[in-house]
Amino acid sequence: MFDTKIAIVVRDDLLVWQKLNVTAFLTSGIVGGHPELIGDPYEDGSGQIYRPLMIQPMIALSTDGAGLKKIHARALSRGVPLAIYIEDMFATGHDAANRATVKSCATDALNLVGLALREDKKIVDKITRGAKMHA
Protein backbone atom coordinates (compact mmCIF):
# COMPACT_ATOMS: atom_id res chain seq x y z
CA MET A 1 0.00 0.00 0.00
CA PHE A 2 2.91 2.39 0.72
CA ASP A 3 6.06 2.81 -1.34
CA THR A 4 7.85 4.20 1.69
CA LYS A 5 8.70 2.80 5.09
CA ILE A 6 9.00 4.58 8.43
CA ALA A 7 11.56 3.15 10.83
CA ILE A 8 12.29 4.30 14.35
CA VAL A 9 15.48 2.87 15.82
CA VAL A 10 16.31 3.19 19.52
CA ARG A 11 19.37 2.16 21.46
CA ASP A 12 18.71 -1.16 23.16
CA ASP A 13 20.19 -0.27 26.57
CA LEU A 14 17.78 2.58 27.37
CA LEU A 15 15.29 2.41 30.23
CA VAL A 16 11.71 1.73 29.15
CA TRP A 17 10.58 5.31 29.84
CA GLN A 18 13.51 6.58 27.75
CA LYS A 19 12.63 4.31 24.82
CA LEU A 20 9.04 5.53 24.90
CA ASN A 21 10.11 9.18 25.19
CA VAL A 22 12.58 8.90 22.31
CA THR A 23 10.03 7.09 20.12
CA ALA A 24 7.43 9.78 20.73
CA PHE A 25 9.84 12.61 19.91
CA LEU A 26 11.17 10.87 16.80
CA THR A 27 7.64 10.22 15.55
CA SER A 28 6.97 13.95 15.78
CA GLY A 29 10.07 14.51 13.64
CA ILE A 30 8.68 12.30 10.90
CA VAL A 31 5.27 13.99 11.05
CA GLY A 32 6.90 17.43 11.08
CA GLY A 33 8.72 16.56 7.88
CA HIS A 34 5.68 14.97 6.26
CA PRO A 35 2.44 16.61 7.46
CA GLU A 36 0.53 14.72 4.76
CA LEU A 37 0.97 11.61 6.93
CA ILE A 38 -1.74 12.80 9.31
CA GLY A 39 -5.14 11.32 8.56
CA ASP A 40 -8.62 12.44 9.43
CA PRO A 41 -10.00 12.70 12.97
CA TYR A 42 -11.49 9.56 14.50
CA GLU A 43 -15.08 9.34 15.69
CA ASP A 44 -16.53 6.68 17.95
CA GLY A 45 -20.03 5.23 17.70
CA SER A 46 -21.39 7.87 20.09
CA GLY A 47 -20.12 10.77 18.01
CA GLN A 48 -17.13 11.63 20.23
CA ILE A 49 -14.29 13.04 18.09
CA TYR A 50 -10.63 12.09 18.66
CA ARG A 51 -7.38 13.41 17.24
CA PRO A 52 -6.15 12.10 13.88
CA LEU A 53 -3.30 9.58 13.71
CA MET A 54 -0.65 8.81 11.15
CA ILE A 55 -1.93 7.02 8.07
CA GLN A 56 1.20 4.90 7.58
CA PRO A 57 2.46 2.16 9.89
CA MET A 58 5.89 2.43 11.48
CA ILE A 59 8.36 -0.22 12.56
CA ALA A 60 10.17 0.02 15.88
CA LEU A 61 13.72 -1.35 15.82
CA SER A 62 16.53 -1.50 18.33
CA THR A 63 20.28 -1.83 18.20
CA ASP A 64 23.32 -0.96 20.29
CA GLY A 65 25.22 2.33 20.15
CA ALA A 66 27.60 1.11 17.45
CA GLY A 67 24.65 -0.05 15.35
CA LEU A 68 23.00 3.37 15.65
CA LYS A 69 26.19 5.04 14.46
CA LYS A 70 26.31 2.71 11.42
CA ILE A 71 22.66 3.39 10.58
CA HIS A 72 23.21 7.12 11.01
CA ALA A 73 26.24 7.04 8.70
CA ARG A 74 24.41 4.97 6.06
CA ALA A 75 21.48 7.40 6.03
CA LEU A 76 23.74 10.45 5.79
CA SER A 77 25.77 8.89 2.97
CA ARG A 78 22.54 8.40 1.00
CA GLY A 79 21.22 11.88 1.78
CA VAL A 80 18.22 10.51 3.70
CA PRO A 81 16.72 13.07 6.10
CA LEU A 82 16.69 11.92 9.72
CA ALA A 83 15.08 12.82 13.00
CA ILE A 84 17.61 12.26 15.80
CA TYR A 85 17.62 12.13 19.58
CA ILE A 86 20.86 12.29 21.56
CA GLU A 87 21.47 11.29 25.16
CA ASP A 88 22.06 14.87 26.34
CA MET A 89 18.46 15.72 25.40
CA PHE A 90 17.21 13.72 28.42
CA ALA A 91 18.58 16.55 30.60
CA THR A 92 16.88 19.41 28.74
CA GLY A 93 13.39 20.71 29.23
CA HIS A 94 12.37 22.36 25.98
CA ASP A 95 12.88 22.50 22.23
CA ALA A 96 15.40 25.35 22.16
CA ALA A 97 17.61 23.52 24.68
CA ASN A 98 17.31 20.30 22.66
CA ARG A 99 18.44 22.06 19.49
CA ALA A 100 21.29 23.77 21.36
CA THR A 101 22.61 20.50 22.74
CA VAL A 102 22.58 18.90 19.29
CA LYS A 103 24.27 21.99 17.81
CA SER A 104 27.08 21.67 20.39
CA CYS A 105 28.13 18.26 18.97
CA ALA A 106 29.96 17.50 15.75
CA THR A 107 28.21 14.89 13.60
CA ASP A 108 30.64 12.11 14.53
CA ALA A 109 30.41 13.01 18.24
CA LEU A 110 26.61 12.75 18.55
CA ASN A 111 25.73 10.34 21.38
CA LEU A 112 22.73 8.93 19.54
CA VAL A 113 19.99 7.12 21.45
CA GLY A 114 17.53 7.07 18.58
CA LEU A 115 16.76 8.09 15.03
CA ALA A 116 13.86 7.92 12.61
CA LEU A 117 13.58 7.97 8.85
CA ARG A 118 11.00 7.69 6.10
CA GLU A 119 12.18 6.71 2.66
CA ASP A 120 11.67 4.14 -0.07
CA LYS A 121 11.17 0.70 1.54
CA LYS A 122 14.29 -0.87 0.01
CA ILE A 123 16.47 2.04 1.08
CA VAL A 124 15.15 1.92 4.66
CA ASP A 125 15.83 -1.82 4.77
CA LYS A 126 19.42 -1.28 3.58
CA ILE A 127 20.04 1.58 6.00
CA THR A 128 18.61 -0.21 9.04
CA ARG A 129 20.27 -3.57 8.29
CA GLY A 130 21.45 -5.14 11.53
CA ALA A 131 18.77 -3.59 13.74
CA LYS A 132 16.22 -5.97 15.22
CA MET A 133 12.49 -5.62 15.75
CA HIS A 134 12.03 -4.02 19.14
CA ALA A 135 11.02 -6.56 21.77
C-alpha atoms as a PDB file:
ATOM      1  CA  MET A   1       0.000   0.000   0.000  1.00  0.00           C
ATOM      2  CA  PHE A   2       2.906   2.385   0.720  1.00  0.00           C
ATOM      3  CA  ASP A   3       6.064   2.809  -1.342  1.00  0.00           C
ATOM      4  CA  THR A   4       7.855   4.203   1.695  1.00  0.00           C
ATOM      5  CA  LYS A   5       8.695   2.799   5.094  1.00  0.00           C
ATOM      6  CA  ILE A   6       9.000   4.579   8.432  1.00  0.00           C
ATOM      7  CA  ALA A   7      11.557   3.155  10.834  1.00  0.00           C
ATOM      8  CA  ILE A   8      12.293   4.305  14.348  1.00  0.00           C
ATOM      9  CA  VAL A   9      15.480   2.870  15.816  1.00  0.00           C
ATOM     10  CA  VAL A  10      16.306   3.190  19.520  1.00  0.00           C
ATOM     11  CA  ARG A  11      19.374   2.162  21.456  1.00  0.00           C
ATOM     12  CA  ASP A  12      18.712  -1.156  23.161  1.00  0.00           C
ATOM     13  CA  ASP A  13      20.193  -0.269  26.573  1.00  0.00           C
ATOM     14  CA  LEU A  14      17.777   2.576  27.374  1.00  0.00           C
ATOM     15  CA  LEU A  15      15.291   2.405  30.226  1.00  0.00           C
ATOM     16  CA  VAL A  16      11.707   1.726  29.153  1.00  0.00           C
ATOM     17  CA  TRP A  17      10.579   5.311  29.841  1.00  0.00           C
ATOM     18  CA  GLN A  18      13.508   6.584  27.748  1.00  0.00           C
ATOM     19  CA  LYS A  19      12.626   4.307  24.824  1.00  0.00           C
ATOM     20  CA  LEU A  20       9.038   5.535  24.896  1.00  0.00           C
ATOM     21  CA  ASN A  21      10.107   9.177  25.186  1.00  0.00           C
ATOM     22  CA  VAL A  22      12.578   8.897  22.313  1.00  0.00           C
ATOM     23  CA  THR A  23      10.035   7.088  20.125  1.00  0.00           C
ATOM     24  CA  ALA A  24       7.431   9.781  20.725  1.00  0.00           C
ATOM     25  CA  PHE A  25       9.843  12.612  19.907  1.00  0.00           C
ATOM     26  CA  LEU A  26      11.173  10.866  16.801  1.00  0.00           C
ATOM     27  CA  THR A  27       7.640  10.224  15.549  1.00  0.00           C
ATOM     28  CA  SER A  28       6.973  13.945  15.779  1.00  0.00           C
ATOM     29  CA  GLY A  29      10.067  14.512  13.642  1.00  0.00           C
ATOM     30  CA  ILE A  30       8.681  12.299  10.896  1.00  0.00           C
ATOM     31  CA  VAL A  31       5.267  13.991  11.049  1.00  0.00           C
ATOM     32  CA  GLY A  32       6.896  17.430  11.085  1.00  0.00           C
ATOM     33  CA  GLY A  33       8.720  16.563   7.885  1.00  0.00           C
ATOM     34  CA  HIS A  34       5.676  14.966   6.261  1.00  0.00           C
ATOM     35  CA  PRO A  35       2.436  16.607   7.461  1.00  0.00           C
ATOM     36  CA  GLU A  36       0.532  14.716   4.760  1.00  0.00           C
ATOM     37  CA  LEU A  37       0.974  11.608   6.928  1.00  0.00           C
ATOM     38  CA  ILE A  38      -1.737  12.804   9.307  1.00  0.00           C
ATOM     39  CA  GLY A  39      -5.140  11.317   8.558  1.00  0.00           C
ATOM     40  CA  ASP A  40      -8.624  12.441   9.429  1.00  0.00           C
ATOM     41  CA  PRO A  41      -9.998  12.699  12.970  1.00  0.00           C
ATOM     42  CA  TYR A  42     -11.491   9.561  14.496  1.00  0.00           C
ATOM     43  CA  GLU A  43     -15.079   9.344  15.687  1.00  0.00           C
ATOM     44  CA  ASP A  44     -16.532   6.684  17.949  1.00  0.00           C
ATOM     45  CA  GLY A  45     -20.032   5.228  17.699  1.00  0.00           C
ATOM     46  CA  SER A  46     -21.387   7.871  20.092  1.00  0.00           C
ATOM     47  CA  GLY A  47     -20.117  10.774  18.010  1.00  0.00           C
ATOM     48  CA  GLN A  48     -17.125  11.627  20.229  1.00  0.00           C
ATOM     49  CA  ILE A  49     -14.291  13.040  18.090  1.00  0.00           C
ATOM     50  CA  TYR A  50     -10.626  12.094  18.659  1.00  0.00           C
ATOM     51  CA  ARG A  51      -7.376  13.410  17.240  1.00  0.00           C
ATOM     52  CA  PRO A  52      -6.145  12.099  13.880  1.00  0.00           C
ATOM     53  CA  LEU A  53      -3.303   9.584  13.706  1.00  0.00           C
ATOM     54  CA  MET A  54      -0.650   8.809  11.147  1.00  0.00           C
ATOM     55  CA  ILE A  55      -1.934   7.020   8.067  1.00  0.00           C
ATOM     56  CA  GLN A  56       1.199   4.904   7.577  1.00  0.00           C
ATOM     57  CA  PRO A  57       2.459   2.165   9.888  1.00  0.00           C
ATOM     58  CA  MET A  58       5.892   2.426  11.481  1.00  0.00           C
ATOM     59  CA  ILE A  59       8.359  -0.219  12.562  1.00  0.00           C
ATOM     60  CA  ALA A  60      10.175   0.017  15.877  1.00  0.00           C
ATOM     61  CA  LEU A  61      13.716  -1.348  15.821  1.00  0.00           C
ATOM     62  CA  SER A  62      16.532  -1.501  18.335  1.00  0.00           C
ATOM     63  CA  THR A  63      20.283  -1.834  18.202  1.00  0.00           C
ATOM     64  CA  ASP A  64      23.317  -0.963  20.287  1.00  0.00           C
ATOM     65  CA  GLY A  65      25.222   2.329  20.147  1.00  0.00           C
ATOM     66  CA  ALA A  66      27.596   1.108  17.450  1.00  0.00           C
ATOM     67  CA  GLY A  67      24.654  -0.048  15.351  1.00  0.00           C
ATOM     68  CA  LEU A  68      22.997   3.368  15.648  1.00  0.00           C
ATOM     69  CA  LYS A  69      26.195   5.036  14.460  1.00  0.00           C
ATOM     70  CA  LYS A  70      26.306   2.713  11.421  1.00  0.00           C
ATOM     71  CA  ILE A  71      22.661   3.385  10.583  1.00  0.00           C
ATOM     72  CA  HIS A  72      23.214   7.121  11.007  1.00  0.00           C
ATOM     73  CA  ALA A  73      26.239   7.040   8.696  1.00  0.00           C
ATOM     74  CA  ARG A  74      24.407   4.972   6.059  1.00  0.00           C
ATOM     75  CA  ALA A  75      21.482   7.398   6.034  1.00  0.00           C
ATOM     76  CA  LEU A  76      23.735  10.455   5.791  1.00  0.00           C
ATOM     77  CA  SER A  77      25.772   8.886   2.971  1.00  0.00           C
ATOM     78  CA  ARG A  78      22.535   8.405   1.003  1.00  0.00           C
ATOM     79  CA  GLY A  79      21.216  11.883   1.783  1.00  0.00           C
ATOM     80  CA  VAL A  80      18.220  10.514   3.696  1.00  0.00           C
ATOM     81  CA  PRO A  81      16.723  13.075   6.104  1.00  0.00           C
ATOM     82  CA  LEU A  82      16.690  11.923   9.718  1.00  0.00           C
ATOM     83  CA  ALA A  83      15.083  12.821  13.004  1.00  0.00           C
ATOM     84  CA  ILE A  84      17.614  12.263  15.804  1.00  0.00           C
ATOM     85  CA  TYR A  85      17.621  12.131  19.579  1.00  0.00           C
ATOM     86  CA  ILE A  86      20.858  12.289  21.563  1.00  0.00           C
ATOM     87  CA  GLU A  87      21.470  11.291  25.160  1.00  0.00           C
ATOM     88  CA  ASP A  88      22.056  14.870  26.342  1.00  0.00           C
ATOM     89  CA  MET A  89      18.459  15.723  25.399  1.00  0.00           C
ATOM     90  CA  PHE A  90      17.214  13.719  28.416  1.00  0.00           C
ATOM     91  CA  ALA A  91      18.582  16.547  30.600  1.00  0.00           C
ATOM     92  CA  THR A  92      16.879  19.408  28.743  1.00  0.00           C
ATOM     93  CA  GLY A  93      13.394  20.707  29.234  1.00  0.00           C
ATOM     94  CA  HIS A  94      12.365  22.359  25.984  1.00  0.00           C
ATOM     95  CA  ASP A  95      12.877  22.495  22.229  1.00  0.00           C
ATOM     96  CA  ALA A  96      15.404  25.345  22.155  1.00  0.00           C
ATOM     97  CA  ALA A  97      17.607  23.523  24.677  1.00  0.00           C
ATOM     98  CA  ASN A  98      17.312  20.301  22.662  1.00  0.00           C
ATOM     99  CA  ARG A  99      18.439  22.059  19.493  1.00  0.00           C
ATOM    100  CA  ALA A 100      21.293  23.775  21.358  1.00  0.00           C
ATOM    101  CA  THR A 101      22.609  20.496  22.744  1.00  0.00           C
ATOM    102  CA  VAL A 102      22.580  18.900  19.288  1.00  0.00           C
ATOM    103  CA  LYS A 103      24.272  21.986  17.815  1.00  0.00           C
ATOM    104  CA  SER A 104      27.078  21.675  20.391  1.00  0.00           C
ATOM    105  CA  CYS A 105      28.127  18.260  18.971  1.00  0.00           C
ATOM    106  CA  ALA A 106      29.956  17.504  15.748  1.00  0.00           C
ATOM    107  CA  THR A 107      28.209  14.888  13.597  1.00  0.00           C
ATOM    108  CA  ASP A 108      30.643  12.114  14.529  1.00  0.00           C
ATOM    109  CA  ALA A 109      30.408  13.010  18.238  1.00  0.00           C
ATOM    110  CA  LEU A 110      26.613  12.746  18.551  1.00  0.00           C
ATOM    111  CA  ASN A 111      25.733  10.344  21.377  1.00  0.00           C
ATOM    112  CA  LEU A 112      22.728   8.933  19.540  1.00  0.00           C
ATOM    113  CA  VAL A 113      19.994   7.125  21.447  1.00  0.00           C
ATOM    114  CA  GLY A 114      17.529   7.066  18.577  1.00  0.00           C
ATOM    115  CA  LEU A 115      16.764   8.088  15.031  1.00  0.00           C
ATOM    116  CA  ALA A 116      13.863   7.918  12.610  1.00  0.00           C
ATOM    117  CA  LEU A 117      13.578   7.970   8.850  1.00  0.00           C
ATOM    118  CA  ARG A 118      11.003   7.688   6.096  1.00  0.00           C
ATOM    119  CA  GLU A 119      12.180   6.713   2.660  1.00  0.00           C
ATOM    120  CA  ASP A 120      11.667   4.136  -0.070  1.00  0.00           C
ATOM    121  CA  LYS A 121      11.165   0.699   1.535  1.00  0.00           C
ATOM    122  CA  LYS A 122      14.285  -0.866   0.009  1.00  0.00           C
ATOM    123  CA  ILE A 123      16.471   2.041   1.076  1.00  0.00           C
ATOM    124  CA  VAL A 124      15.150   1.924   4.655  1.00  0.00           C
ATOM    125  CA  ASP A 125      15.831  -1.815   4.769  1.00  0.00           C
ATOM    126  CA  LYS A 126      19.424  -1.278   3.579  1.00  0.00           C
ATOM    127  CA  ILE A 127      20.044   1.583   5.999  1.00  0.00           C
ATOM    128  CA  THR A 128      18.606  -0.209   9.044  1.00  0.00           C
ATOM    129  CA  ARG A 129      20.271  -3.569   8.295  1.00  0.00           C
ATOM    130  CA  GLY A 130      21.448  -5.139  11.527  1.00  0.00           C
ATOM    131  CA  ALA A 131      18.774  -3.591  13.744  1.00  0.00           C
ATOM    132  CA  LYS A 132      16.221  -5.969  15.222  1.00  0.00           C
ATOM    133  CA  MET A 133      12.486  -5.624  15.748  1.00  0.00           C
ATOM    134  CA  HIS A 134      12.032  -4.017  19.139  1.00  0.00           C
ATOM    135  CA  ALA A 135      11.021  -6.558  21.770  1.00  0.00           C
END
